[in-house]
N, C-alpha and C. Protein backbone atom coordinates (compact mmCIF):
# COMPACT_ATOMS: atom_id res chain seq x y z
N MET A 1 -31.34 11.80 -6.09
CA MET A 1 -30.26 11.01 -6.61
C MET A 1 -29.18 11.93 -7.15
N CYS A 2 -27.95 11.66 -6.84
CA CYS A 2 -26.84 12.48 -7.28
C CYS A 2 -26.25 11.91 -8.56
N SER A 3 -25.76 12.76 -9.42
CA SER A 3 -25.09 12.30 -10.62
C SER A 3 -24.01 13.29 -10.99
N ALA A 4 -23.07 12.83 -11.79
CA ALA A 4 -22.00 13.70 -12.27
C ALA A 4 -21.97 13.62 -13.79
N GLU A 5 -22.11 14.76 -14.43
CA GLU A 5 -22.06 14.83 -15.89
C GLU A 5 -21.18 15.99 -16.29
N ARG A 6 -20.24 15.72 -17.22
CA ARG A 6 -19.38 16.75 -17.78
C ARG A 6 -18.76 17.64 -16.71
N GLY A 7 -18.32 17.03 -15.63
CA GLY A 7 -17.64 17.79 -14.59
C GLY A 7 -18.54 18.54 -13.64
N HIS A 8 -19.86 18.45 -13.82
CA HIS A 8 -20.80 19.13 -12.94
C HIS A 8 -21.54 18.10 -12.10
N VAL A 9 -21.69 18.36 -10.84
CA VAL A 9 -22.41 17.47 -9.96
C VAL A 9 -23.81 18.02 -9.76
N ALA A 10 -24.80 17.18 -9.96
CA ALA A 10 -26.19 17.59 -9.75
C ALA A 10 -26.84 16.64 -8.77
N CYS A 11 -27.76 17.16 -8.02
CA CYS A 11 -28.43 16.34 -7.04
C CYS A 11 -29.84 16.86 -6.84
N GLY A 12 -30.80 15.97 -6.90
CA GLY A 12 -32.18 16.36 -6.62
C GLY A 12 -32.75 17.26 -7.68
N PRO A 13 -33.75 18.05 -7.31
CA PRO A 13 -34.41 18.94 -8.26
C PRO A 13 -33.45 19.96 -8.85
N VAL A 14 -33.78 20.46 -10.02
CA VAL A 14 -32.96 21.47 -10.68
C VAL A 14 -32.80 22.66 -9.74
N GLY A 15 -31.60 23.17 -9.68
CA GLY A 15 -31.33 24.33 -8.83
C GLY A 15 -30.64 23.96 -7.52
N GLU A 16 -30.74 22.70 -7.12
CA GLU A 16 -30.01 22.29 -5.92
C GLU A 16 -28.58 22.00 -6.32
N GLY A 17 -27.67 22.41 -5.50
CA GLY A 17 -26.26 22.17 -5.80
C GLY A 17 -25.75 20.96 -5.06
N PRO A 18 -24.49 20.59 -5.31
CA PRO A 18 -23.91 19.43 -4.66
C PRO A 18 -23.81 19.59 -3.14
N TRP A 19 -23.86 20.83 -2.66
CA TRP A 19 -23.79 21.07 -1.22
C TRP A 19 -25.03 20.55 -0.51
N ASP A 20 -26.12 20.30 -1.24
CA ASP A 20 -27.33 19.75 -0.65
C ASP A 20 -27.43 18.24 -0.81
N CYS A 21 -26.48 17.65 -1.48
CA CYS A 21 -26.53 16.24 -1.83
C CYS A 21 -26.11 15.37 -0.64
N PRO A 22 -26.87 14.30 -0.33
CA PRO A 22 -26.50 13.41 0.77
C PRO A 22 -25.13 12.76 0.57
N ALA A 23 -24.72 12.55 -0.67
CA ALA A 23 -23.42 11.94 -0.93
C ALA A 23 -22.27 12.85 -0.49
N ARG A 24 -22.53 14.14 -0.40
CA ARG A 24 -21.47 15.07 -0.03
C ARG A 24 -20.91 14.75 1.36
N ASP A 25 -21.78 14.43 2.31
CA ASP A 25 -21.31 14.09 3.66
C ASP A 25 -20.40 12.87 3.63
N VAL A 26 -20.79 11.86 2.85
CA VAL A 26 -19.97 10.65 2.76
C VAL A 26 -18.62 10.98 2.14
N VAL A 27 -18.62 11.76 1.06
CA VAL A 27 -17.36 12.16 0.43
C VAL A 27 -16.50 12.95 1.41
N ASP A 28 -17.12 13.85 2.16
CA ASP A 28 -16.37 14.62 3.16
C ASP A 28 -15.75 13.71 4.21
N HIS A 29 -16.48 12.69 4.66
CA HIS A 29 -15.95 11.77 5.67
C HIS A 29 -14.82 10.92 5.11
N VAL A 30 -14.99 10.43 3.88
CA VAL A 30 -13.96 9.59 3.26
C VAL A 30 -12.69 10.39 3.02
N THR A 31 -12.83 11.62 2.56
CA THR A 31 -11.65 12.41 2.19
C THR A 31 -11.14 13.29 3.33
N SER A 32 -11.68 13.10 4.51
CA SER A 32 -11.19 13.87 5.66
C SER A 32 -9.75 13.46 5.96
N ARG A 33 -9.12 14.23 6.79
CA ARG A 33 -7.71 13.96 7.14
C ARG A 33 -7.51 12.51 7.59
N TRP A 34 -8.44 11.98 8.37
CA TRP A 34 -8.26 10.65 8.95
C TRP A 34 -9.07 9.57 8.24
N GLY A 35 -10.14 9.94 7.55
CA GLY A 35 -10.98 8.95 6.88
C GLY A 35 -10.22 8.13 5.86
N VAL A 36 -9.39 8.78 5.07
CA VAL A 36 -8.59 8.09 4.06
C VAL A 36 -7.70 7.04 4.73
N TRP A 37 -7.04 7.43 5.83
CA TRP A 37 -6.11 6.51 6.49
C TRP A 37 -6.83 5.34 7.15
N VAL A 38 -8.02 5.58 7.66
CA VAL A 38 -8.80 4.48 8.23
C VAL A 38 -9.14 3.46 7.15
N LEU A 39 -9.63 3.93 6.01
CA LEU A 39 -9.99 3.00 4.93
C LEU A 39 -8.77 2.24 4.42
N ILE A 40 -7.64 2.91 4.31
CA ILE A 40 -6.42 2.24 3.87
C ILE A 40 -5.96 1.23 4.92
N SER A 41 -6.04 1.59 6.21
CA SER A 41 -5.60 0.68 7.27
C SER A 41 -6.46 -0.57 7.36
N LEU A 42 -7.74 -0.44 7.04
CA LEU A 42 -8.66 -1.57 7.12
C LEU A 42 -8.76 -2.36 5.82
N ARG A 43 -7.96 -2.01 4.82
CA ARG A 43 -8.10 -2.63 3.50
C ARG A 43 -7.89 -4.14 3.49
N SER A 44 -7.06 -4.65 4.36
CA SER A 44 -6.80 -6.10 4.31
C SER A 44 -7.07 -6.82 5.63
N ASN A 45 -7.32 -6.08 6.70
CA ASN A 45 -7.54 -6.71 8.00
C ASN A 45 -8.64 -6.00 8.78
N ASN A 46 -9.38 -6.75 9.54
CA ASN A 46 -10.23 -6.17 10.57
C ASN A 46 -9.32 -5.84 11.74
N LEU A 47 -9.55 -4.70 12.37
CA LEU A 47 -8.66 -4.28 13.46
C LEU A 47 -9.46 -3.84 14.66
N ARG A 48 -8.89 -4.07 15.84
CA ARG A 48 -9.47 -3.52 17.06
C ARG A 48 -9.13 -2.04 17.13
N PHE A 49 -9.86 -1.33 17.97
CA PHE A 49 -9.71 0.12 18.05
C PHE A 49 -8.25 0.51 18.27
N TYR A 50 -7.58 -0.11 19.23
CA TYR A 50 -6.21 0.30 19.54
C TYR A 50 -5.23 -0.12 18.44
N GLU A 51 -5.49 -1.23 17.77
CA GLU A 51 -4.65 -1.62 16.64
C GLU A 51 -4.79 -0.59 15.52
N LEU A 52 -6.02 -0.15 15.30
CA LEU A 52 -6.28 0.85 14.28
C LEU A 52 -5.60 2.17 14.64
N ARG A 53 -5.73 2.56 15.89
CA ARG A 53 -5.07 3.80 16.35
C ARG A 53 -3.56 3.71 16.15
N ASP A 54 -2.98 2.58 16.49
CA ASP A 54 -1.53 2.42 16.37
C ASP A 54 -1.07 2.36 14.91
N SER A 55 -1.97 2.00 14.00
CA SER A 55 -1.60 1.90 12.58
C SER A 55 -1.66 3.25 11.87
N ILE A 56 -2.26 4.25 12.52
CA ILE A 56 -2.40 5.58 11.90
C ILE A 56 -1.61 6.58 12.73
N ARG A 57 -0.43 6.90 12.27
CA ARG A 57 0.46 7.80 13.00
C ARG A 57 -0.17 9.17 13.16
N GLY A 58 -0.20 9.68 14.40
CA GLY A 58 -0.64 11.03 14.67
C GLY A 58 -2.11 11.20 15.04
N ILE A 59 -2.91 10.15 14.94
CA ILE A 59 -4.33 10.30 15.26
C ILE A 59 -4.56 10.13 16.76
N SER A 60 -5.39 10.97 17.32
CA SER A 60 -5.74 10.85 18.74
C SER A 60 -6.91 9.89 18.88
N GLU A 61 -7.12 9.39 20.08
CA GLU A 61 -8.26 8.52 20.33
C GLU A 61 -9.56 9.25 20.04
N LYS A 62 -9.63 10.51 20.40
CA LYS A 62 -10.85 11.29 20.18
C LYS A 62 -11.16 11.40 18.69
N MET A 63 -10.15 11.75 17.88
CA MET A 63 -10.37 11.89 16.44
C MET A 63 -10.68 10.55 15.79
N LEU A 64 -10.04 9.49 16.26
CA LEU A 64 -10.33 8.17 15.72
C LEU A 64 -11.77 7.78 16.03
N ALA A 65 -12.20 8.02 17.25
CA ALA A 65 -13.58 7.70 17.63
C ALA A 65 -14.58 8.49 16.78
N GLN A 66 -14.33 9.78 16.57
CA GLN A 66 -15.23 10.60 15.74
C GLN A 66 -15.24 10.11 14.30
N THR A 67 -14.07 9.81 13.77
CA THR A 67 -13.97 9.33 12.39
C THR A 67 -14.69 8.00 12.23
N MET A 68 -14.49 7.09 13.19
CA MET A 68 -15.12 5.77 13.10
C MET A 68 -16.63 5.89 13.20
N ARG A 69 -17.11 6.76 14.06
CA ARG A 69 -18.55 6.97 14.20
C ARG A 69 -19.16 7.41 12.87
N ALA A 70 -18.51 8.35 12.20
CA ALA A 70 -19.01 8.85 10.91
C ALA A 70 -18.96 7.77 9.84
N LEU A 71 -17.86 7.01 9.77
CA LEU A 71 -17.73 5.99 8.74
C LEU A 71 -18.69 4.82 8.97
N VAL A 72 -18.96 4.49 10.22
CA VAL A 72 -19.96 3.46 10.53
C VAL A 72 -21.35 3.95 10.13
N GLN A 73 -21.66 5.19 10.48
CA GLN A 73 -22.96 5.77 10.14
C GLN A 73 -23.15 5.84 8.62
N ASP A 74 -22.08 6.08 7.88
CA ASP A 74 -22.15 6.16 6.42
C ASP A 74 -22.25 4.78 5.76
N GLY A 75 -22.05 3.72 6.55
CA GLY A 75 -22.13 2.37 5.99
C GLY A 75 -20.86 1.88 5.34
N LEU A 76 -19.74 2.56 5.60
CA LEU A 76 -18.46 2.18 5.02
C LEU A 76 -17.70 1.19 5.91
N VAL A 77 -17.96 1.24 7.19
CA VAL A 77 -17.25 0.43 8.18
C VAL A 77 -18.29 -0.23 9.09
N TRP A 78 -18.03 -1.51 9.44
CA TRP A 78 -18.87 -2.16 10.44
C TRP A 78 -18.13 -2.15 11.77
N ARG A 79 -18.90 -2.27 12.83
CA ARG A 79 -18.36 -2.21 14.19
C ARG A 79 -18.95 -3.37 14.98
N GLU A 80 -18.09 -4.12 15.67
CA GLU A 80 -18.54 -5.24 16.50
C GLU A 80 -17.96 -5.07 17.90
N VAL A 81 -18.84 -5.14 18.89
CA VAL A 81 -18.41 -5.00 20.29
C VAL A 81 -18.54 -6.35 20.96
N GLU A 82 -17.42 -6.83 21.53
CA GLU A 82 -17.44 -8.07 22.30
C GLU A 82 -17.70 -7.71 23.75
N PRO A 83 -18.68 -8.37 24.36
CA PRO A 83 -19.05 -8.04 25.75
C PRO A 83 -18.05 -8.59 26.77
N THR A 84 -16.87 -8.02 26.76
CA THR A 84 -15.84 -8.40 27.72
C THR A 84 -15.55 -7.19 28.58
N THR A 85 -14.71 -7.37 29.58
CA THR A 85 -14.31 -6.25 30.41
C THR A 85 -12.81 -6.07 30.26
N PRO A 86 -12.36 -4.97 29.70
CA PRO A 86 -13.14 -3.92 29.03
C PRO A 86 -13.65 -4.45 27.68
N PRO A 87 -14.66 -3.80 27.12
CA PRO A 87 -15.20 -4.25 25.84
C PRO A 87 -14.14 -4.18 24.74
N GLN A 88 -14.14 -5.17 23.87
CA GLN A 88 -13.23 -5.16 22.72
C GLN A 88 -14.05 -4.79 21.49
N VAL A 89 -13.63 -3.74 20.82
CA VAL A 89 -14.34 -3.24 19.64
C VAL A 89 -13.48 -3.52 18.41
N THR A 90 -14.07 -4.19 17.44
CA THR A 90 -13.39 -4.52 16.20
C THR A 90 -14.09 -3.82 15.05
N TYR A 91 -13.30 -3.33 14.10
CA TYR A 91 -13.82 -2.64 12.92
C TYR A 91 -13.34 -3.34 11.66
N GLY A 92 -14.16 -3.25 10.62
CA GLY A 92 -13.79 -3.77 9.30
C GLY A 92 -14.56 -3.02 8.24
N LEU A 93 -14.16 -3.21 7.00
CA LEU A 93 -14.83 -2.54 5.89
C LEU A 93 -16.06 -3.33 5.45
N THR A 94 -17.14 -2.63 5.20
CA THR A 94 -18.30 -3.23 4.58
C THR A 94 -18.00 -3.39 3.09
N GLU A 95 -18.91 -4.00 2.36
CA GLU A 95 -18.73 -4.11 0.91
C GLU A 95 -18.61 -2.72 0.28
N PHE A 96 -19.46 -1.81 0.74
CA PHE A 96 -19.42 -0.42 0.27
C PHE A 96 -18.07 0.21 0.60
N GLY A 97 -17.58 -0.01 1.82
CA GLY A 97 -16.28 0.53 2.22
C GLY A 97 -15.14 -0.03 1.40
N GLN A 98 -15.21 -1.32 1.06
CA GLN A 98 -14.18 -1.91 0.21
C GLN A 98 -14.20 -1.29 -1.18
N GLU A 99 -15.41 -1.08 -1.70
CA GLU A 99 -15.56 -0.48 -3.02
C GLU A 99 -15.02 0.95 -3.05
N VAL A 100 -15.36 1.73 -2.03
CA VAL A 100 -14.90 3.12 -1.96
C VAL A 100 -13.40 3.18 -1.66
N GLY A 101 -12.92 2.28 -0.81
CA GLY A 101 -11.52 2.29 -0.41
C GLY A 101 -10.55 1.80 -1.47
N GLU A 102 -11.05 1.01 -2.43
CA GLU A 102 -10.16 0.45 -3.45
C GLU A 102 -9.39 1.50 -4.24
N PRO A 103 -10.05 2.55 -4.78
CA PRO A 103 -9.27 3.55 -5.50
C PRO A 103 -8.31 4.34 -4.58
N LEU A 104 -8.69 4.49 -3.31
CA LEU A 104 -7.79 5.18 -2.38
C LEU A 104 -6.53 4.35 -2.16
N THR A 105 -6.72 3.04 -2.02
CA THR A 105 -5.60 2.13 -1.85
C THR A 105 -4.71 2.14 -3.09
N GLU A 106 -5.33 2.11 -4.27
CA GLU A 106 -4.56 2.16 -5.52
C GLU A 106 -3.76 3.45 -5.61
N LEU A 107 -4.38 4.57 -5.24
CA LEU A 107 -3.68 5.85 -5.25
C LEU A 107 -2.50 5.83 -4.29
N PHE A 108 -2.73 5.34 -3.07
CA PHE A 108 -1.67 5.26 -2.06
C PHE A 108 -0.52 4.39 -2.57
N ASP A 109 -0.86 3.22 -3.12
CA ASP A 109 0.17 2.31 -3.63
C ASP A 109 0.95 2.92 -4.79
N ARG A 110 0.24 3.62 -5.67
CA ARG A 110 0.89 4.27 -6.81
C ARG A 110 1.87 5.34 -6.33
N ILE A 111 1.45 6.13 -5.35
CA ILE A 111 2.32 7.19 -4.81
C ILE A 111 3.54 6.58 -4.13
N THR A 112 3.34 5.55 -3.31
CA THR A 112 4.48 4.98 -2.59
C THR A 112 5.47 4.31 -3.54
N ARG A 113 5.01 3.78 -4.67
CA ARG A 113 5.93 3.19 -5.65
C ARG A 113 6.82 4.25 -6.29
N ARG A 114 6.33 5.47 -6.41
CA ARG A 114 7.07 6.54 -7.07
C ARG A 114 8.00 7.30 -6.14
N LEU A 115 7.81 7.17 -4.85
CA LEU A 115 8.66 7.88 -3.89
C LEU A 115 9.95 7.12 -3.65
N PRO A 116 11.01 7.85 -3.32
CA PRO A 116 12.25 7.14 -2.95
C PRO A 116 12.01 6.38 -1.64
N PRO A 117 12.78 5.33 -1.39
CA PRO A 117 12.62 4.57 -0.14
C PRO A 117 12.73 5.50 1.07
N TYR A 118 11.94 5.21 2.09
CA TYR A 118 11.91 6.04 3.30
C TYR A 118 13.29 6.06 3.93
N GLY A 119 13.76 7.24 4.25
CA GLY A 119 15.07 7.40 4.87
C GLY A 119 16.18 7.66 3.86
N ALA A 120 15.90 7.36 2.57
CA ALA A 120 16.90 7.64 1.53
C ALA A 120 16.72 9.08 1.06
N GLY A 121 17.76 9.75 0.89
CA GLY A 121 17.57 11.07 0.33
C GLY A 121 18.23 12.13 1.06
């Protein structure tokens, strides 16, 4: 079990560092270059793969697929495949993903409120 006390992260038996903690992989996936944007993009809507790709400027299909695979495996995102030709894949946030994504969304909203309007300046 991982815990944080007084700025130090501990996990498992004494002597193990946070680098051995299972939560570290989830934190790495959430805070990756694309993980944050996926969670923010899915905050209010379930999206199909291509809708999600189009909502995140600069992400390639390959990176989106890798990011989604990790976030699904971590239990932050659910994935539903409709058996059509071609298959339609829809993604959404799990309860855990909503909980983790909420502070990211608040941070994003706080930053955008403080920035000048896009194109002004």
